[in-house]
Amino acid sequence: MALVLYNSLTRRKEEFRPIDSQNVRMYVCGPTVYDYAHIGNARAVVAFDLLYRVLRHEYGAAHVKYVRNITDVEDKIMAAAEASGQTIGEVTARTTAQYHEDMAALGSLPPDIEPRATQYIPQMIALIERLIAAGHAYAAEGHALFRVASYAKYGALSRRSRKDMIAGARVEVAPFKEDPGDFVLWKPSTRDQPGWGSPWGRGRPGWHIECSAMSENTLGETFDIHGGGLDLIFPHHENEIAQSVCAHGGAGPQDFARIWMHNGMLTVAGAKMAKSEGNFITVRDALAQAPGEVVRLALLGTHYRAPLDWTEDRLHEARQTLDRFYRALETEIAPSDGYVDDDVRLALSDDLNAPLALSHMHELTGAINRASRAERARLQHALAASGRLLGLLQNSPDEWLRGGEADAKDIEAQIAARALARKERRFADADRIRDELAADGILLEDGPGGTTWRRG
């Protein structure tokens, strides 16, 4: 079954044909590390982690290279350092570590390469010099700027009018620009700002040139897939295309990346997520409410290209779904790599249709509950393997359904207190303990051998 992906550049689904099936290459724009990652950032990570897993499954882990950058020089980082009293290096080290912890908690695999912008300053300067030499950029008052009029296909990705592009980029009115739409490749730094020597004076790179240099130096001038959030299409990805294509004499956007993929935006209870609205949810906030696997499933429950409205109900439903899957695996005969269910694989091959894949996993779960012992084992292995392809079902059923060690000890203590209450004929107390546990999703089952429990 062929892998089909939606290409934002052509506005249609296309069969994925890698440039080299032995070296499938993907670049995804990573975080600017100045604060905790929010749940919208996590959606992009989980979406492209799913793609990475599917590519590894189809082509072999050794034949897929996933690059996701770290932006560690940017005005927001400087502002965070000033506000916290820390150095820029301390801010970026702390927030990068937090980002890694949060994404790992969501079950996301680390990228094969994670370049940092500050490690590629010489390559950025060299790229800008090539653009100037080719007439696609110019120097002015300590700046280097891209000459938008020099690239006839500028706007091919976003399909915006020139008026809309200028408005959307919130361009800075500057007398040294040849054209209002020209964008910064290099800008001067003051003494108290990070800076590097360059032919245009001490300064730092513009945001867009960073990804062009990092992708070229890790994946080559042309690679298979470029990804990011829908909000990056313009101006960031549009500008990346212009720089990278013009620096190498290319004809159009596909001389840079063959397929462009973008995940949809996230809202909170129908409203745009914003700190000013008080609905800004970090990944840490979400992880305080539910295990990482629950948060991951909540993000996968809507197709990656569709808008996603984040509510507490999503977490509750995701927890119930995972409990159902894990209960179906409770009596799995033996661990197995298994064989991914054909319907699950087919759904994911159709532009990563995770909601449809999950519906097939529900069908598998129903079949497991009805199956004979011999058939049950085969279906369980298929469910487990299918879940792992989505980055789910990473725990043992017992660990998941019975909770962590601390939780288990607390539950066992309450069960013991209930047993004592029953022995002493304090039935009201015993019922109260059972009801409190049930309210927390803990179901008790009394039998000849005593009381056992599981999550409902």
Protein backbone atom coordinates (compact mmCIF):
# COMPACT_ATOMS: atom_id res chain seq x y z
CA MET A 1 0.00 0.00 0.00
CA ALA A 2 1.50 3.32 -1.10
CA LEU A 3 2.01 6.12 1.41
CA VAL A 4 -0.01 9.17 0.36
CA LEU A 5 0.62 12.61 1.90
CA TYR A 6 -1.08 15.97 1.51
CA ASN A 7 1.30 18.49 -0.06
CA SER A 8 0.59 22.06 1.06
CA LEU A 9 2.46 23.30 -2.01
CA THR A 10 0.20 21.60 -4.57
CA ARG A 11 -2.93 21.52 -2.36
CA ARG A 12 -3.54 17.83 -3.02
CA LYS A 13 -2.65 14.37 -1.78
CA GLU A 14 0.32 12.79 -3.55
CA GLU A 15 1.92 9.39 -3.48
CA PHE A 16 5.14 9.71 -1.54
CA ARG A 17 8.14 8.79 -3.68
CA PRO A 18 11.37 9.53 -1.84
CA ILE A 19 14.34 10.92 -3.72
CA ASP A 20 16.34 7.98 -2.35
CA SER A 21 14.48 5.17 -0.58
CA GLN A 22 17.70 4.33 1.27
CA ASN A 23 17.92 7.86 2.65
CA VAL A 24 14.47 9.36 3.31
CA ARG A 25 14.95 12.89 4.66
CA MET A 26 12.59 15.11 6.68
CA TYR A 27 13.09 18.54 8.26
CA VAL A 28 10.65 20.01 10.79
CA CYS A 29 10.88 23.46 12.32
CA GLY A 30 11.57 23.11 16.03
CA PRO A 31 11.09 25.35 19.06
CA THR A 32 12.45 28.74 20.00
CA VAL A 33 13.67 27.89 23.50
CA TYR A 34 12.69 30.68 25.87
CA ASP A 35 9.78 29.19 27.88
CA TYR A 36 7.82 25.99 28.47
CA ALA A 37 6.40 24.36 25.34
CA HIS A 38 2.64 24.75 25.02
CA ILE A 39 0.13 22.18 23.86
CA GLY A 40 0.06 23.71 20.36
CA ASN A 41 3.82 23.10 20.05
CA ALA A 42 3.21 19.54 21.19
CA ARG A 43 0.65 18.97 18.45
CA ALA A 44 3.27 19.59 15.76
CA VAL A 45 5.79 17.34 17.50
CA VAL A 46 3.31 14.47 17.88
CA ALA A 47 2.04 14.82 14.28
CA PHE A 48 5.51 14.63 12.77
CA ASP A 49 6.60 11.97 15.23
CA LEU A 50 3.77 9.87 13.81
CA LEU A 51 5.05 10.53 10.29
CA TYR A 52 8.58 9.61 11.40
CA ARG A 53 7.31 6.33 12.85
CA VAL A 54 5.36 5.51 9.67
CA LEU A 55 8.39 6.27 7.48
CA ARG A 56 10.61 4.08 9.68
CA HIS A 57 8.04 1.30 9.47
CA GLU A 58 7.87 1.55 5.66
CA TYR A 59 11.54 2.13 4.81
CA GLY A 60 13.43 0.86 7.87
CA ALA A 61 14.75 2.94 10.76
CA ALA A 62 18.27 3.01 9.31
CA HIS A 63 16.99 4.63 6.10
CA VAL A 64 15.12 7.62 7.55
CA LYS A 65 16.76 10.84 8.74
CA TYR A 66 14.66 13.24 10.79
CA VAL A 67 16.03 16.72 11.55
CA ARG A 68 14.31 19.12 13.94
CA ASN A 69 16.12 22.30 14.89
CA ILE A 70 16.48 24.34 18.05
CA THR A 71 16.31 28.13 17.65
CA ASP A 72 18.58 29.43 20.41
CA VAL A 73 19.14 33.02 19.23
CA GLU A 74 16.06 35.22 18.99
CA ASP A 75 14.61 38.39 20.48
CA LYS A 76 12.18 36.45 22.74
CA ILE A 77 15.11 34.60 24.26
CA MET A 78 16.90 37.88 24.98
CA ALA A 79 13.75 39.24 26.62
CA ALA A 80 13.36 36.09 28.75
CA ALA A 81 16.99 36.33 29.88
CA GLU A 82 16.57 39.97 30.88
CA ALA A 83 13.34 39.24 32.75
CA SER A 84 14.80 36.25 34.62
CA GLY A 85 18.21 37.69 35.38
CA GLN A 86 19.83 34.67 33.74
CA THR A 87 22.25 34.63 30.85
CA ILE A 88 20.97 33.71 27.41
CA GLY A 89 22.94 30.45 27.65
CA GLU A 90 21.29 29.59 30.97
CA VAL A 91 17.80 30.30 29.59
CA THR A 92 18.30 28.20 26.47
CA ALA A 93 19.93 25.32 28.39
CA ARG A 94 17.07 25.21 30.90
CA THR A 95 14.24 25.52 28.41
CA THR A 96 15.80 23.05 25.97
CA ALA A 97 16.03 20.46 28.76
CA GLN A 98 12.40 21.14 29.68
CA TYR A 99 11.36 20.75 26.05
CA HIS A 100 13.16 17.40 25.75
CA GLU A 101 11.52 16.12 28.96
CA ASP A 102 8.04 17.18 27.87
CA MET A 103 8.28 15.71 24.37
CA ALA A 104 9.70 12.44 25.73
CA ALA A 105 6.78 12.27 28.17
CA LEU A 106 4.46 12.39 25.14
CA GLY A 107 6.18 9.31 23.72
CA SER A 108 7.87 11.22 20.89
CA LEU A 109 11.10 9.83 19.50
CA PRO A 110 14.07 12.21 19.45
CA PRO A 111 15.07 13.43 15.98
CA ASP A 112 18.16 11.89 14.39
CA ILE A 113 19.79 15.32 14.26
CA GLU A 114 18.92 18.36 16.35
CA PRO A 115 20.94 21.33 15.07
CA ARG A 116 21.09 24.53 17.08
CA ALA A 117 21.06 27.83 15.25
CA THR A 118 24.14 29.15 17.04
CA GLN A 119 26.16 26.17 15.76
CA TYR A 120 25.56 27.16 12.12
CA ILE A 121 26.37 30.89 12.02
CA PRO A 122 29.28 30.49 9.51
CA GLN A 123 27.01 28.47 7.19
CA MET A 124 24.33 31.18 7.42
CA ILE A 125 26.86 33.88 6.54
CA ALA A 126 28.07 31.82 3.57
CA LEU A 127 24.48 31.35 2.37
CA ILE A 128 23.82 35.09 2.56
CA GLU A 129 27.02 35.81 0.63
CA ARG A 130 25.86 33.48 -2.13
CA LEU A 131 22.53 35.27 -2.33
CA ILE A 132 24.20 38.68 -2.55
CA ALA A 133 26.62 37.46 -5.22
CA ALA A 134 23.68 36.14 -7.28
CA GLY A 135 21.76 39.42 -7.00
CA HIS A 136 19.04 38.00 -4.78
CA ALA A 137 20.09 39.95 -1.69
CA TYR A 138 21.80 43.20 -0.81
CA ALA A 139 23.55 44.89 2.12
CA ALA A 140 22.30 48.11 3.68
CA GLU A 141 23.23 49.86 6.93
CA GLY A 142 24.58 46.78 8.70
CA HIS A 143 21.74 44.61 7.41
CA ALA A 144 21.53 42.01 4.68
CA LEU A 145 18.12 41.69 3.05
CA PHE A 146 16.52 39.34 0.56
CA ARG A 147 15.35 41.02 -2.64
CA VAL A 148 11.85 39.54 -2.99
CA ALA A 149 11.34 40.95 -6.49
CA SER A 150 14.26 38.81 -7.71
CA TYR A 151 12.32 35.56 -7.19
CA ALA A 152 9.39 35.25 -9.57
CA LYS A 153 7.76 32.36 -7.67
CA TYR A 154 7.67 34.11 -4.31
CA GLY A 155 4.26 33.34 -2.79
CA ALA A 156 3.82 29.93 -4.45
CA LEU A 157 3.36 28.15 -1.11
CA SER A 158 1.05 30.61 0.65
CA ARG A 159 -0.76 31.76 -2.53
CA ARG A 160 -1.23 35.21 -1.08
CA SER A 161 -1.42 38.47 -2.97
CA ARG A 162 1.54 40.79 -2.62
CA LYS A 163 -0.59 43.17 -0.53
CA ASP A 164 -1.60 40.38 1.83
CA MET A 165 1.98 39.12 2.09
CA ILE A 166 3.29 42.52 3.14
CA ALA A 167 0.49 42.88 5.71
CA GLY A 168 0.90 39.30 6.95
CA ALA A 169 4.63 39.65 7.45
CA ARG A 170 4.12 42.80 9.56
CA VAL A 171 7.04 44.29 7.71
CA GLU A 172 9.18 46.87 9.37
CA VAL A 173 9.14 50.21 7.55
CA ALA A 174 12.83 50.94 6.99
CA PRO A 175 14.39 53.51 4.67
CA PHE A 176 17.25 51.16 3.78
CA LYS A 177 14.88 48.60 2.18
CA GLU A 178 14.56 48.61 -1.59
CA ASP A 179 11.05 47.23 -1.25
CA PRO A 180 8.70 46.96 1.78
CA GLY A 181 8.44 43.19 1.22
CA ASP A 182 12.19 42.54 1.43
CA PHE A 183 13.04 40.57 4.54
CA VAL A 184 16.04 40.49 6.85
CA LEU A 185 18.78 37.89 6.49
CA TRP A 186 21.19 39.55 8.91
CA LYS A 187 20.75 42.40 11.39
CA PRO A 188 23.14 44.38 13.58
CA SER A 189 23.53 43.65 17.31
CA THR A 190 24.17 46.12 20.08
CA ARG A 191 26.93 45.48 22.60
CA ASP A 192 24.57 43.79 25.05
CA GLN A 193 23.01 41.52 22.40
CA PRO A 194 24.47 38.27 21.08
CA GLY A 195 26.39 38.85 17.87
CA TRP A 196 28.96 37.46 15.47
CA GLY A 197 31.36 39.08 13.07
CA SER A 198 30.23 39.22 9.43
CA PRO A 199 30.96 41.12 6.18
CA TRP A 200 28.09 43.45 7.19
CA GLY A 201 29.31 44.10 10.71
CA ARG A 202 28.71 42.47 14.07
CA GLY A 203 25.20 41.06 14.17
CA ARG A 204 22.96 38.03 14.24
CA PRO A 205 20.91 36.10 11.69
CA GLY A 206 17.29 36.62 10.78
CA TRP A 207 14.91 33.83 11.71
CA HIS A 208 14.30 32.45 8.22
CA ILE A 209 17.93 32.06 7.15
CA GLU A 210 18.57 29.82 10.14
CA CYS A 211 16.38 26.95 8.90
CA SER A 212 17.66 27.26 5.32
CA ALA A 213 21.25 26.85 6.50
CA MET A 214 20.52 24.07 9.00
CA SER A 215 18.41 21.99 6.60
CA GLU A 216 20.98 22.30 3.80
CA ASN A 217 23.87 21.31 6.02
CA THR A 218 22.11 18.31 7.55
CA LEU A 219 19.99 17.01 4.65
CA GLY A 220 21.37 18.57 1.49
CA GLU A 221 20.10 21.18 -0.97
CA THR A 222 17.00 19.11 -1.81
CA PHE A 223 15.20 16.71 0.50
CA ASP A 224 11.87 14.90 0.76
CA ILE A 225 9.63 16.51 3.38
CA HIS A 226 9.54 19.86 5.16
CA GLY A 227 7.05 20.20 8.01
CA GLY A 228 5.73 22.59 10.61
CA GLY A 229 2.62 24.28 11.92
CA LEU A 230 0.10 25.93 9.61
CA ASP A 231 1.12 29.32 11.02
CA LEU A 232 4.61 28.89 9.56
CA ILE A 233 3.51 28.80 5.91
CA PHE A 234 3.88 32.57 5.74
CA PRO A 235 6.24 34.22 6.17
CA HIS A 236 8.66 31.62 7.51
CA HIS A 237 8.37 28.79 5.00
CA GLU A 238 7.75 31.13 2.09
CA ASN A 239 10.98 32.92 2.93
CA GLU A 240 12.88 29.70 3.46
CA ILE A 241 11.92 28.58 -0.03
CA ALA A 242 13.01 31.87 -1.62
CA GLN A 243 16.41 31.83 0.09
CA SER A 244 17.20 28.19 -0.49
CA VAL A 245 16.04 28.02 -4.11
CA CYS A 246 17.79 31.24 -5.11
CA ALA A 247 21.04 30.32 -3.33
CA HIS A 248 21.41 27.24 -5.53
CA GLY A 249 19.95 28.41 -8.83
CA GLY A 250 16.82 26.30 -8.47
CA ALA A 251 13.72 26.75 -10.55
CA GLY A 252 11.02 26.46 -7.90
CA PRO A 253 9.95 25.39 -4.36
CA GLN A 254 10.32 21.66 -5.04
CA ASP A 255 14.03 22.15 -5.67
CA PHE A 256 14.20 22.76 -1.92
CA ALA A 257 11.67 20.29 -0.44
CA ARG A 258 9.47 17.98 -2.49
CA ILE A 259 6.55 17.83 -0.06
CA TRP A 260 5.44 20.51 2.40
CA MET A 261 3.28 19.38 5.32
CA HIS A 262 1.53 21.49 7.94
CA ASN A 263 -0.50 20.58 11.01
CA GLY A 264 -3.68 22.47 11.89
CA MET A 265 -4.02 25.01 14.64
CA LEU A 266 -5.14 24.40 18.21
CA THR A 267 -7.77 26.32 20.15
CA VAL A 268 -8.87 26.02 23.78
CA ALA A 269 -12.62 25.64 24.34
CA GLY A 270 -13.20 27.37 21.02
CA ALA A 271 -10.91 30.35 21.66
CA LYS A 272 -7.41 31.04 20.38
CA MET A 273 -4.85 30.03 23.00
CA ALA A 274 -3.16 33.12 24.43
CA LYS A 275 -1.55 34.09 27.72
CA SER A 276 -3.61 37.28 27.71
CA GLU A 277 -6.80 35.18 27.66
CA GLY A 278 -5.68 33.05 30.58
CA ASN A 279 -6.14 29.85 28.57
CA PHE A 280 -2.50 29.23 27.74
CA ILE A 281 -1.85 25.54 28.41
CA THR A 282 1.71 24.27 28.61
CA VAL A 283 2.61 20.63 28.11
CA ARG A 284 3.55 20.60 31.80
CA ASP A 285 0.01 21.73 32.65
CA ALA A 286 -1.46 18.90 30.56
CA LEU A 287 0.93 16.33 32.06
CA ALA A 288 -0.17 17.39 35.54
CA GLN A 289 -3.71 16.38 34.53
CA ALA A 290 -2.99 13.10 32.76
CA PRO A 291 -0.18 10.69 31.78
CA GLY A 292 1.76 11.58 28.64
CA GLU A 293 0.20 8.73 26.67
CA VAL A 294 -3.27 10.17 27.36
CA VAL A 295 -2.15 13.61 26.16
CA ARG A 296 -0.64 12.04 23.04
CA LEU A 297 -3.85 10.18 22.21
CA ALA A 298 -5.89 13.34 22.76
CA LEU A 299 -3.69 15.07 20.16
CA LEU A 300 -3.96 12.17 17.72
CA GLY A 301 -7.73 11.92 18.00
CA THR A 302 -8.20 14.65 15.39
CA HIS A 303 -6.61 14.46 11.93
CA TYR A 304 -3.33 16.37 11.96
CA ARG A 305 -4.47 18.84 9.26
CA ALA A 306 -7.77 19.70 10.94
CA PRO A 307 -8.22 22.31 13.69
CA LEU A 308 -8.17 20.84 17.19
CA ASP A 309 -10.15 22.27 20.08
CA TRP A 310 -8.54 21.36 23.40
CA THR A 311 -10.89 20.56 26.27
CA GLU A 312 -10.67 18.51 29.47
CA ASP A 313 -13.21 16.14 27.93
CA ARG A 314 -10.59 15.17 25.35
CA LEU A 315 -8.28 13.97 28.10
CA HIS A 316 -11.07 12.06 29.81
CA GLU A 317 -12.10 10.34 26.57
CA ALA A 318 -8.48 9.53 25.70
CA ARG A 319 -7.97 7.96 29.14
CA GLN A 320 -11.07 5.81 28.70
CA THR A 321 -9.90 4.70 25.25
CA LEU A 322 -6.47 3.70 26.52
CA ASP A 323 -8.01 1.85 29.46
CA ARG A 324 -10.13 -0.13 26.99
CA PHE A 325 -7.14 -0.97 24.82
CA TYR A 326 -5.02 -2.02 27.80
CA ARG A 327 -7.81 -4.16 29.24
CA ALA A 328 -7.96 -6.03 25.93
CA LEU A 329 -4.23 -6.74 26.31
CA GLU A 330 -4.41 -7.77 29.97
CA THR A 331 -4.17 -11.49 29.27
CA GLU A 332 -1.75 -11.24 26.34
CA ILE A 333 0.10 -14.58 26.24
CA ALA A 334 3.58 -13.22 25.52
CA PRO A 335 5.19 -10.01 24.31
CA SER A 336 5.58 -9.89 20.56
CA ASP A 337 6.63 -7.45 17.86
CA GLY A 338 3.42 -8.48 16.19
CA TYR A 339 2.06 -7.49 12.84
CA VAL A 340 0.39 -4.11 12.41
CA ASP A 341 -3.25 -4.55 11.49
CA ASP A 342 -3.79 -4.03 7.74
CA ASP A 343 -6.66 -1.59 8.28
CA VAL A 344 -4.59 0.48 10.74
CA ARG A 345 -1.66 0.58 8.34
CA LEU A 346 -3.94 1.49 5.44
CA ALA A 347 -5.46 4.38 7.43
CA LEU A 348 -2.04 5.77 8.32
CA SER A 349 -0.91 5.39 4.70
CA ASP A 350 -3.72 7.75 3.72
CA ASP A 351 -2.16 11.01 4.90
CA LEU A 352 -1.68 9.81 8.49
CA ASN A 353 -5.37 9.31 9.23
CA ALA A 354 -4.88 8.59 12.92
CA PRO A 355 -8.59 8.92 13.88
CA LEU A 356 -9.48 6.20 11.36
CA ALA A 357 -6.57 4.05 12.58
CA LEU A 358 -7.86 4.41 16.14
CA SER A 359 -11.36 3.37 15.07
CA HIS A 360 -9.86 0.19 13.61
CA MET A 361 -8.06 -0.39 16.91
CA HIS A 362 -11.44 -0.18 18.64
CA GLU A 363 -12.70 -2.83 16.21
CA LEU A 364 -9.70 -5.01 17.08
CA THR A 365 -10.47 -4.55 20.76
CA GLY A 366 -14.05 -5.69 20.24
CA ALA A 367 -12.83 -8.71 18.28
CA ILE A 368 -10.40 -9.60 21.09
CA ASN A 369 -13.20 -9.59 23.63
CA ARG A 370 -15.21 -12.02 21.48
CA ALA A 371 -12.36 -14.26 20.27
CA SER A 372 -11.34 -17.77 21.21
CA ARG A 373 -8.10 -18.16 23.16
CA ALA A 374 -6.01 -19.04 20.10
CA GLU A 375 -7.42 -16.22 17.99
CA ARG A 376 -7.28 -13.80 20.91
CA ALA A 377 -3.48 -13.95 21.12
CA ARG A 378 -3.05 -13.11 17.44
CA LEU A 379 -5.43 -10.17 17.68
CA GLN A 380 -3.78 -8.91 20.86
CA HIS A 381 -0.40 -8.90 19.17
CA ALA A 382 -1.89 -6.98 16.23
CA LEU A 383 -3.44 -4.42 18.59
CA ALA A 384 -0.19 -3.96 20.52
CA ALA A 385 1.86 -3.56 17.32
CA SER A 386 -0.67 -1.13 15.85
CA GLY A 387 -0.62 0.93 19.04
CA ARG A 388 3.16 1.08 19.06
CA LEU A 389 3.15 2.38 15.47
CA LEU A 390 1.11 5.33 16.77
CA GLY A 391 3.43 5.74 19.76
CA LEU A 392 0.79 4.28 22.10
CA LEU A 393 0.47 1.18 24.31
CA GLN A 394 4.05 1.59 25.50
CA ASN A 395 3.29 0.32 29.03
CA SER A 396 2.48 -3.15 30.24
CA PRO A 397 -1.27 -3.61 30.82
CA ASP A 398 -0.68 -4.26 34.51
CA GLU A 399 1.36 -1.07 34.96
CA TRP A 400 -1.23 0.99 33.14
CA LEU A 401 -4.37 -0.42 34.72
CA ARG A 402 -3.00 -0.62 38.23
CA GLY A 403 -1.12 2.70 38.14
CA GLY A 404 2.29 3.58 39.48
CA GLU A 405 3.83 2.08 42.59
CA ALA A 406 2.79 4.98 44.82
CA ASP A 407 -0.79 4.91 43.53
CA ALA A 408 -0.96 1.14 43.93
CA LYS A 409 0.23 1.31 47.56
CA ASP A 410 -2.38 3.95 48.37
CA ILE A 411 -5.16 1.90 46.73
CA GLU A 412 -4.05 -1.27 48.51
CA ALA A 413 -4.10 0.65 51.82
CA GLN A 414 -7.68 1.78 51.17
CA ILE A 415 -8.69 -1.78 50.26
CA ALA A 416 -7.17 -2.98 53.53
CA ALA A 417 -9.09 -0.28 55.42
CA ARG A 418 -12.29 -1.37 53.69
CA ALA A 419 -11.64 -5.02 54.58
CA LEU A 420 -11.16 -4.04 58.24
CA ALA A 421 -14.36 -1.97 58.17
CA ARG A 422 -16.29 -4.95 56.80
CA LYS A 423 -14.76 -7.27 59.40
CA GLU A 424 -15.84 -4.85 62.14
CA ARG A 425 -19.28 -4.57 60.49
CA ARG A 426 -18.81 -0.85 59.73
CA PHE A 427 -20.54 -1.30 56.41
CA ALA A 428 -21.20 2.40 55.84
CA ASP A 429 -17.43 3.07 56.03
CA ALA A 430 -16.71 0.15 53.71
CA ASP A 431 -19.24 1.43 51.18
CA ARG A 432 -17.81 4.94 51.41
CA ILE A 433 -14.30 3.67 50.60
CA ARG A 434 -15.59 1.67 47.63
CA ASP A 435 -17.53 4.72 46.34
CA GLU A 436 -14.52 7.04 46.70
CA LEU A 437 -12.33 4.60 44.78
CA ALA A 438 -15.01 4.21 42.11
CA ALA A 439 -15.17 8.00 41.73
CA ASP A 440 -11.44 7.89 40.97
CA GLY A 441 -12.01 5.19 38.35
CA ILE A 442 -10.88 2.29 40.58
CA LEU A 443 -13.19 -0.73 40.43
CA LEU A 444 -13.09 -3.36 43.18
CA GLU A 445 -13.90 -7.02 42.62
CA ASP A 446 -14.55 -9.19 45.66
CA GLY A 447 -13.83 -12.89 45.32
CA PRO A 448 -12.98 -16.01 47.33
CA GLY A 449 -9.30 -15.04 47.29
CA GLY A 450 -9.91 -11.50 48.50
CA THR A 451 -10.43 -8.14 46.78
CA THR A 452 -8.71 -7.22 43.53
CA TRP A 453 -8.87 -3.91 41.70
CA ARG A 454 -8.50 -2.37 38.29
CA ARG A 455 -9.03 0.95 36.60
CA GLY A 456 -12.46 1.29 35.05
